[in-house]
Structures are given as C-alpha cells and as structure tokens.
Amino acid sequence: MVGRPVPGVRSANTAPAADADLHLSTGAGTGGEAGSRGPAVLELAGVSVDAAGSRPVVDDVSLSVFSGEIVGVAGVSGNGQRELVDVLCGVRVPSAGRVTVGGKDVTRGGPGDVMSAGLGRIPEDRHGSVVAEMSVEHNLVLEDLAAFRKGPSSTAVGCASMPSV
C-alpha cells in the first residue's frame, strides 16, 4: 500500500484504479498542516503526459513535497510511474501542467536545469545510470561535471585522472 488508508473504505472492495486513487495522498505522516511546513520544495500542478494511444499515461497529477519529506513513486508496471519520473528529471516535457523545484519553474528545462535547481534522484535501474567501468567516485562526478569546468582557466579541474569513456 502506498499513502495512507482512507477511513471507511476497504481496498478489497474497490477496483484497482480506484484503489490507487484512494491511497495517493499528500501530507500523509508529515505531522502538520500544509501551512506549518513552510514552502514546498517540489510542486507538480496539473501535470499530464500524453501517450501514443487515446489515454494519457499521466493525467492531471498535482503534488507538493515539503522539506524533510521523502517521496517514492510506486505502482503496477505500465501505469505512468516512469513517465512521471521522466518529467521530474527533465527528460520529458509534460503535455500539460507545471513543475517547480525550490520555486523555480523547471517544466521545460532539461536534466541539468532540474539538478541545478536542487532535485536529486535515485534511479530505478542502477545499472542503466552508471558507467560500470568507472569508480563510484567518477560516476558521482558525472552528474555535476559542469562544476568541474567552471573556473579561471579553460582546463577541467579535478578531472585529470578520469578515464576516457
């Protein structure tokens, strides 16, 4: 189960789609009302992703995440989780809606914009998001490679020992 149960509704008595809707909630377990948590650090407002077929794979998702919260995306395979994460990571532009990180609109930004705004991620498949031949240290540097290119000279700082990929 994801989220929190809705009082008076038993999951066994609902259709799978309705069950998912019932358990999707914001603010579960945060210990306070929205006003007492400060501003949201991540906001999705009406985010939709169109599919090749007739139904959108992500349909009008709104979500607020506050400082200190950890949010996971779970569901039955093929129900839009990957597409939603692609939008959050800046890999896919939503067909509708808005995504803000720390108050900065990153809806149409790329992965670099999303990361520089402060959004981190844990990939679904660790093997698909690393260079296996490289050390953990070098893989971590890849996500922030631009920081190593900044400085008074045009030479990359701190990258001299990195192997060619």
C-alpha atoms as a PDB file:
ATOM      1  CA  MET A   1       0.000   0.000   0.000  1.00  0.00           C
ATOM      2  CA  VAL A   2       1.203   3.495  -0.841  1.00  0.00           C
ATOM      3  CA  GLY A   3      -0.005   6.578   1.014  1.00  0.00           C
ATOM      4  CA  ARG A   4      -2.478   6.182   3.817  1.00  0.00           C
ATOM      5  CA  PRO A   5      -5.753   4.278   4.025  1.00  0.00           C
ATOM      6  CA  VAL A   6      -8.973   6.222   3.654  1.00  0.00           C
ATOM      7  CA  PRO A   7     -11.224   5.685   6.689  1.00  0.00           C
ATOM      8  CA  GLY A   8     -14.310   3.624   5.945  1.00  0.00           C
ATOM      9  CA  VAL A   9     -13.014   2.241   2.629  1.00  0.00           C
ATOM     10  CA  ARG A  10     -11.583  -1.245   2.325  1.00  0.00           C
ATOM     11  CA  SER A  11      -9.171  -1.849  -0.550  1.00  0.00           C
ATOM     12  CA  ALA A  12     -10.628  -5.294  -1.187  1.00  0.00           C
ATOM     13  CA  ASN A  13     -13.942  -3.650  -2.140  1.00  0.00           C
ATOM     14  CA  THR A  14     -12.564  -1.299  -4.771  1.00  0.00           C
ATOM     15  CA  ALA A  15     -11.376  -1.620  -8.350  1.00  0.00           C
ATOM     16  CA  PRO A  16      -7.574  -1.452  -8.826  1.00  0.00           C
ATOM     17  CA  ALA A  17      -7.660   2.042 -10.370  1.00  0.00           C
ATOM     18  CA  ALA A  18      -9.902   3.346  -7.582  1.00  0.00           C
ATOM     19  CA  ASP A  19      -7.626   1.685  -5.014  1.00  0.00           C
ATOM     20  CA  ALA A  20      -4.630   3.586  -6.407  1.00  0.00           C
ATOM     21  CA  ASP A  21      -6.568   6.855  -6.252  1.00  0.00           C
ATOM     22  CA  LEU A  22      -7.601   6.204  -2.646  1.00  0.00           C
ATOM     23  CA  HIS A  23      -4.042   5.643  -1.493  1.00  0.00           C
ATOM     24  CA  LEU A  24      -2.497   8.593  -3.309  1.00  0.00           C
ATOM     25  CA  SER A  25      -2.474  11.391  -0.798  1.00  0.00           C
ATOM     26  CA  THR A  26      -0.315  14.341   0.108  1.00  0.00           C
ATOM     27  CA  GLY A  27       0.746  15.167   3.610  1.00  0.00           C
ATOM     28  CA  ALA A  28       0.484  11.607   4.976  1.00  0.00           C
ATOM     29  CA  GLY A  29       2.645  11.233   8.028  1.00  0.00           C
ATOM     30  CA  THR A  30       4.116  14.735   7.888  1.00  0.00           C
ATOM     31  CA  GLY A  31       2.818  15.708  11.286  1.00  0.00           C
ATOM     32  CA  GLY A  32       1.312  19.043  10.366  1.00  0.00           C
ATOM     33  CA  GLU A  33      -0.865  21.057   8.100  1.00  0.00           C
ATOM     34  CA  ALA A  34       0.482  22.480   4.859  1.00  0.00           C
ATOM     35  CA  GLY A  35       0.855  25.975   6.346  1.00  0.00           C
ATOM     36  CA  SER A  36       3.067  24.788   9.205  1.00  0.00           C
ATOM     37  CA  ARG A  37       5.645  23.061   6.968  1.00  0.00           C
ATOM     38  CA  GLY A  38       6.952  26.069   5.110  1.00  0.00           C
ATOM     39  CA  PRO A  39       7.014  26.382   1.355  1.00  0.00           C
ATOM     40  CA  ALA A  40       7.001  23.292  -0.841  1.00  0.00           C
ATOM     41  CA  VAL A  41      10.414  22.342  -2.226  1.00  0.00           C
ATOM     42  CA  LEU A  42       8.860  20.438  -5.138  1.00  0.00           C
ATOM     43  CA  GLU A  43       5.482  21.132  -6.712  1.00  0.00           C
ATOM     44  CA  LEU A  44       3.632  19.494  -9.551  1.00  0.00           C
ATOM     45  CA  ALA A  45       0.471  21.246 -10.682  1.00  0.00           C
ATOM     46  CA  GLY A  46      -1.837  19.529 -13.168  1.00  0.00           C
ATOM     47  CA  VAL A  47       0.962  17.510 -14.812  1.00  0.00           C
ATOM     48  CA  SER A  48      -0.134  15.297 -17.703  1.00  0.00           C
ATOM     49  CA  VAL A  49       1.831  13.192 -20.176  1.00  0.00           C
ATOM     50  CA  ASP A  50       0.148  12.128 -23.402  1.00  0.00           C
ATOM     51  CA  ALA A  51       0.582   8.606 -24.708  1.00  0.00           C
ATOM     52  CA  ALA A  52       0.609   7.321 -28.254  1.00  0.00           C
ATOM     53  CA  GLY A  53      -2.895   5.925 -27.680  1.00  0.00           C
ATOM     54  CA  SER A  54      -6.061   7.661 -26.580  1.00  0.00           C
ATOM     55  CA  ARG A  55      -5.438   7.825 -22.813  1.00  0.00           C
ATOM     56  CA  PRO A  56      -2.756   9.938 -21.134  1.00  0.00           C
ATOM     57  CA  VAL A  57      -0.223   7.895 -19.155  1.00  0.00           C
ATOM     58  CA  VAL A  58      -0.073  10.618 -16.502  1.00  0.00           C
ATOM     59  CA  ASP A  59      -3.299  12.531 -16.029  1.00  0.00           C
ATOM     60  CA  ASP A  60      -3.548  15.796 -14.058  1.00  0.00           C
ATOM     61  CA  VAL A  61      -1.132  14.953 -11.205  1.00  0.00           C
ATOM     62  CA  SER A  62      -0.689  17.592  -8.519  1.00  0.00           C
ATOM     63  CA  LEU A  63       1.700  17.070  -5.631  1.00  0.00           C
ATOM     64  CA  SER A  64       3.571  19.155  -3.072  1.00  0.00           C
ATOM     65  CA  VAL A  65       6.677  17.880  -1.312  1.00  0.00           C
ATOM     66  CA  PHE A  66       7.969  19.748   1.722  1.00  0.00           C
ATOM     67  CA  SER A  67      11.424  19.952   3.254  1.00  0.00           C
ATOM     68  CA  GLY A  68      12.318  16.759   5.123  1.00  0.00           C
ATOM     69  CA  GLU A  69       9.880  14.540   3.233  1.00  0.00           C
ATOM     70  CA  ILE A  70      10.970  11.538   1.201  1.00  0.00           C
ATOM     71  CA  VAL A  71       8.633  10.576  -1.619  1.00  0.00           C
ATOM     72  CA  GLY A  72       8.606   7.366  -3.624  1.00  0.00           C
ATOM     73  CA  VAL A  73       6.666   6.579  -6.769  1.00  0.00           C
ATOM     74  CA  ALA A  74       5.198   3.069  -6.845  1.00  0.00           C
ATOM     75  CA  GLY A  75       2.584   1.215  -8.816  1.00  0.00           C
ATOM     76  CA  VAL A  76       1.854  -1.597 -11.182  1.00  0.00           C
ATOM     77  CA  SER A  77       4.208  -1.622 -14.165  1.00  0.00           C
ATOM     78  CA  GLY A  78       2.922   0.433 -17.083  1.00  0.00           C
ATOM     79  CA  ASN A  79       0.801   2.881 -15.083  1.00  0.00           C
ATOM     80  CA  GLY A  80       2.844   6.020 -15.719  1.00  0.00           C
ATOM     81  CA  GLN A  81       5.442   5.977 -12.935  1.00  0.00           C
ATOM     82  CA  ARG A  82       8.390   6.028 -15.359  1.00  0.00           C
ATOM     83  CA  GLU A  83       6.831   8.848 -17.407  1.00  0.00           C
ATOM     84  CA  LEU A  84       6.214  10.870 -14.238  1.00  0.00           C
ATOM     85  CA  VAL A  85       9.806  10.395 -13.110  1.00  0.00           C
ATOM     86  CA  ASP A  86      10.999  11.361 -16.617  1.00  0.00           C
ATOM     87  CA  VAL A  87       9.118  14.654 -16.231  1.00  0.00           C
ATOM     88  CA  LEU A  88      10.607  15.210 -12.768  1.00  0.00           C
ATOM     89  CA  CYS A  89      14.126  14.555 -14.058  1.00  0.00           C
ATOM     90  CA  GLY A  90      13.719  16.883 -17.042  1.00  0.00           C
ATOM     91  CA  VAL A  91      13.980  14.072 -19.590  1.00  0.00           C
ATOM     92  CA  ARG A  92      10.394  14.543 -20.829  1.00  0.00           C
ATOM     93  CA  VAL A  93       8.307  17.696 -21.176  1.00  0.00           C
ATOM     94  CA  PRO A  94       4.739  17.255 -19.890  1.00  0.00           C
ATOM     95  CA  SER A  95       1.841  17.871 -22.261  1.00  0.00           C
ATOM     96  CA  ALA A  96       0.198  19.981 -19.550  1.00  0.00           C
ATOM     97  CA  GLY A  97       0.976  21.316 -16.101  1.00  0.00           C
ATOM     98  CA  ARG A  98       3.877  22.875 -14.251  1.00  0.00           C
ATOM     99  CA  VAL A  99       6.858  21.559 -12.233  1.00  0.00           C
ATOM    100  CA  THR A 100       8.716  23.806  -9.780  1.00  0.00           C
ATOM    101  CA  VAL A 101      11.760  22.999  -7.643  1.00  0.00           C
ATOM    102  CA  GLY A 102      12.543  25.454  -4.881  1.00  0.00           C
ATOM    103  CA  GLY A 103      10.209  27.962  -6.500  1.00  0.00           C
ATOM    104  CA  LYS A 104      11.994  27.743  -9.874  1.00  0.00           C
ATOM    105  CA  ASP A 105       9.908  26.620 -12.851  1.00  0.00           C
ATOM    106  CA  VAL A 106      11.704  23.656 -14.474  1.00  0.00           C
ATOM    107  CA  THR A 107       8.766  22.395 -16.545  1.00  0.00           C
ATOM    108  CA  ARG A 108      10.546  22.838 -19.857  1.00  0.00           C
ATOM    109  CA  GLY A 109      14.102  22.602 -18.536  1.00  0.00           C
ATOM    110  CA  GLY A 110      16.427  19.704 -19.150  1.00  0.00           C
ATOM    111  CA  PRO A 111      18.100  17.377 -16.633  1.00  0.00           C
ATOM    112  CA  GLY A 112      20.822  19.942 -15.896  1.00  0.00           C
ATOM    113  CA  ASP A 113      18.240  22.601 -15.014  1.00  0.00           C
ATOM    114  CA  VAL A 114      16.396  20.218 -12.698  1.00  0.00           C
ATOM    115  CA  MET A 115      19.593  19.138 -10.929  1.00  0.00           C
ATOM    116  CA  SER A 116      20.874  22.704 -10.573  1.00  0.00           C
ATOM    117  CA  ALA A 117      17.513  23.645  -9.031  1.00  0.00           C
ATOM    118  CA  GLY A 118      18.238  21.042  -6.342  1.00  0.00           C
ATOM    119  CA  LEU A 119      16.247  17.931  -7.243  1.00  0.00           C
ATOM    120  CA  GLY A 120      18.065  14.643  -6.607  1.00  0.00           C
ATOM    121  CA  ARG A 121      17.064  11.197  -7.747  1.00  0.00           C
ATOM    122  CA  ILE A 122      17.631   7.529  -7.135  1.00  0.00           C
ATOM    123  CA  PRO A 123      17.291   5.725 -10.468  1.00  0.00           C
ATOM    124  CA  GLU A 124      15.036   2.736 -10.960  1.00  0.00           C
ATOM    125  CA  ASP A 125      17.845   0.680 -12.509  1.00  0.00           C
ATOM    126  CA  ARG A 126      21.269   1.421 -11.099  1.00  0.00           C
ATOM    127  CA  HIS A 127      22.949  -0.426 -13.979  1.00  0.00           C
ATOM    128  CA  GLY A 128      21.358   1.819 -16.588  1.00  0.00           C
ATOM    129  CA  SER A 129      22.501   5.021 -14.912  1.00  0.00           C
ATOM    130  CA  VAL A 130      26.190   4.385 -14.250  1.00  0.00           C
ATOM    131  CA  VAL A 131      29.293   3.676 -16.275  1.00  0.00           C
ATOM    132  CA  ALA A 132      30.230   0.231 -14.971  1.00  0.00           C
ATOM    133  CA  GLU A 133      33.913   0.576 -15.889  1.00  0.00           C
ATOM    134  CA  MET A 134      34.266   3.706 -13.751  1.00  0.00           C
ATOM    135  CA  SER A 135      34.652   4.017  -9.988  1.00  0.00           C
ATOM    136  CA  VAL A 136      31.811   5.200  -7.741  1.00  0.00           C
ATOM    137  CA  GLU A 137      33.674   8.481  -7.282  1.00  0.00           C
ATOM    138  CA  HIS A 138      33.889   9.099 -11.023  1.00  0.00           C
ATOM    139  CA  ASN A 139      30.233   8.167 -11.561  1.00  0.00           C
ATOM    140  CA  LEU A 140      29.205  10.677  -8.894  1.00  0.00           C
ATOM    141  CA  VAL A 141      31.240  13.384 -10.616  1.00  0.00           C
ATOM    142  CA  LEU A 142      29.395  12.786 -13.895  1.00  0.00           C
ATOM    143  CA  GLU A 143      26.170  14.311 -12.562  1.00  0.00           C
ATOM    144  CA  ASP A 144      27.966  17.510 -11.612  1.00  0.00           C
ATOM    145  CA  LEU A 145      30.563  17.645 -14.357  1.00  0.00           C
ATOM    146  CA  ALA A 146      29.743  21.265 -15.164  1.00  0.00           C
ATOM    147  CA  ALA A 147      31.059  22.319 -11.747  1.00  0.00           C
ATOM    148  CA  PHE A 148      34.470  20.956 -12.685  1.00  0.00           C
ATOM    149  CA  ARG A 149      34.535  23.028 -15.879  1.00  0.00           C
ATOM    150  CA  LYS A 150      33.998  26.346 -14.087  1.00  0.00           C
ATOM    151  CA  GLY A 151      36.983  28.358 -13.004  1.00  0.00           C
ATOM    152  CA  PRO A 152      39.633  30.811 -14.131  1.00  0.00           C
ATOM    153  CA  SER A 153      41.120  28.515 -16.791  1.00  0.00           C
ATOM    154  CA  SER A 154      39.568  26.538 -19.607  1.00  0.00           C
ATOM    155  CA  THR A 155      41.102  23.269 -18.405  1.00  0.00           C
ATOM    156  CA  ALA A 156      38.899  20.875 -16.476  1.00  0.00           C
ATOM    157  CA  VAL A 157      39.767  20.965 -12.773  1.00  0.00           C
ATOM    158  CA  GLY A 158      39.787  17.679 -10.870  1.00  0.00           C
ATOM    159  CA  CYS A 159      39.147  15.507 -13.927  1.00  0.00           C
ATOM    160  CA  ALA A 160      42.705  14.682 -14.988  1.00  0.00           C
ATOM    161  CA  SER A 161      42.578  11.139 -13.643  1.00  0.00           C
ATOM    162  CA  MET A 162      39.186  10.305 -15.149  1.00  0.00           C
ATOM    163  CA  PRO A 163      39.373   7.605 -17.822  1.00  0.00           C
ATOM    164  CA  SER A 164      38.050   8.249 -21.307  1.00  0.00           C
ATOM    165  CA  VAL A 165      34.520   6.987 -21.836  1.00  0.00           C
END
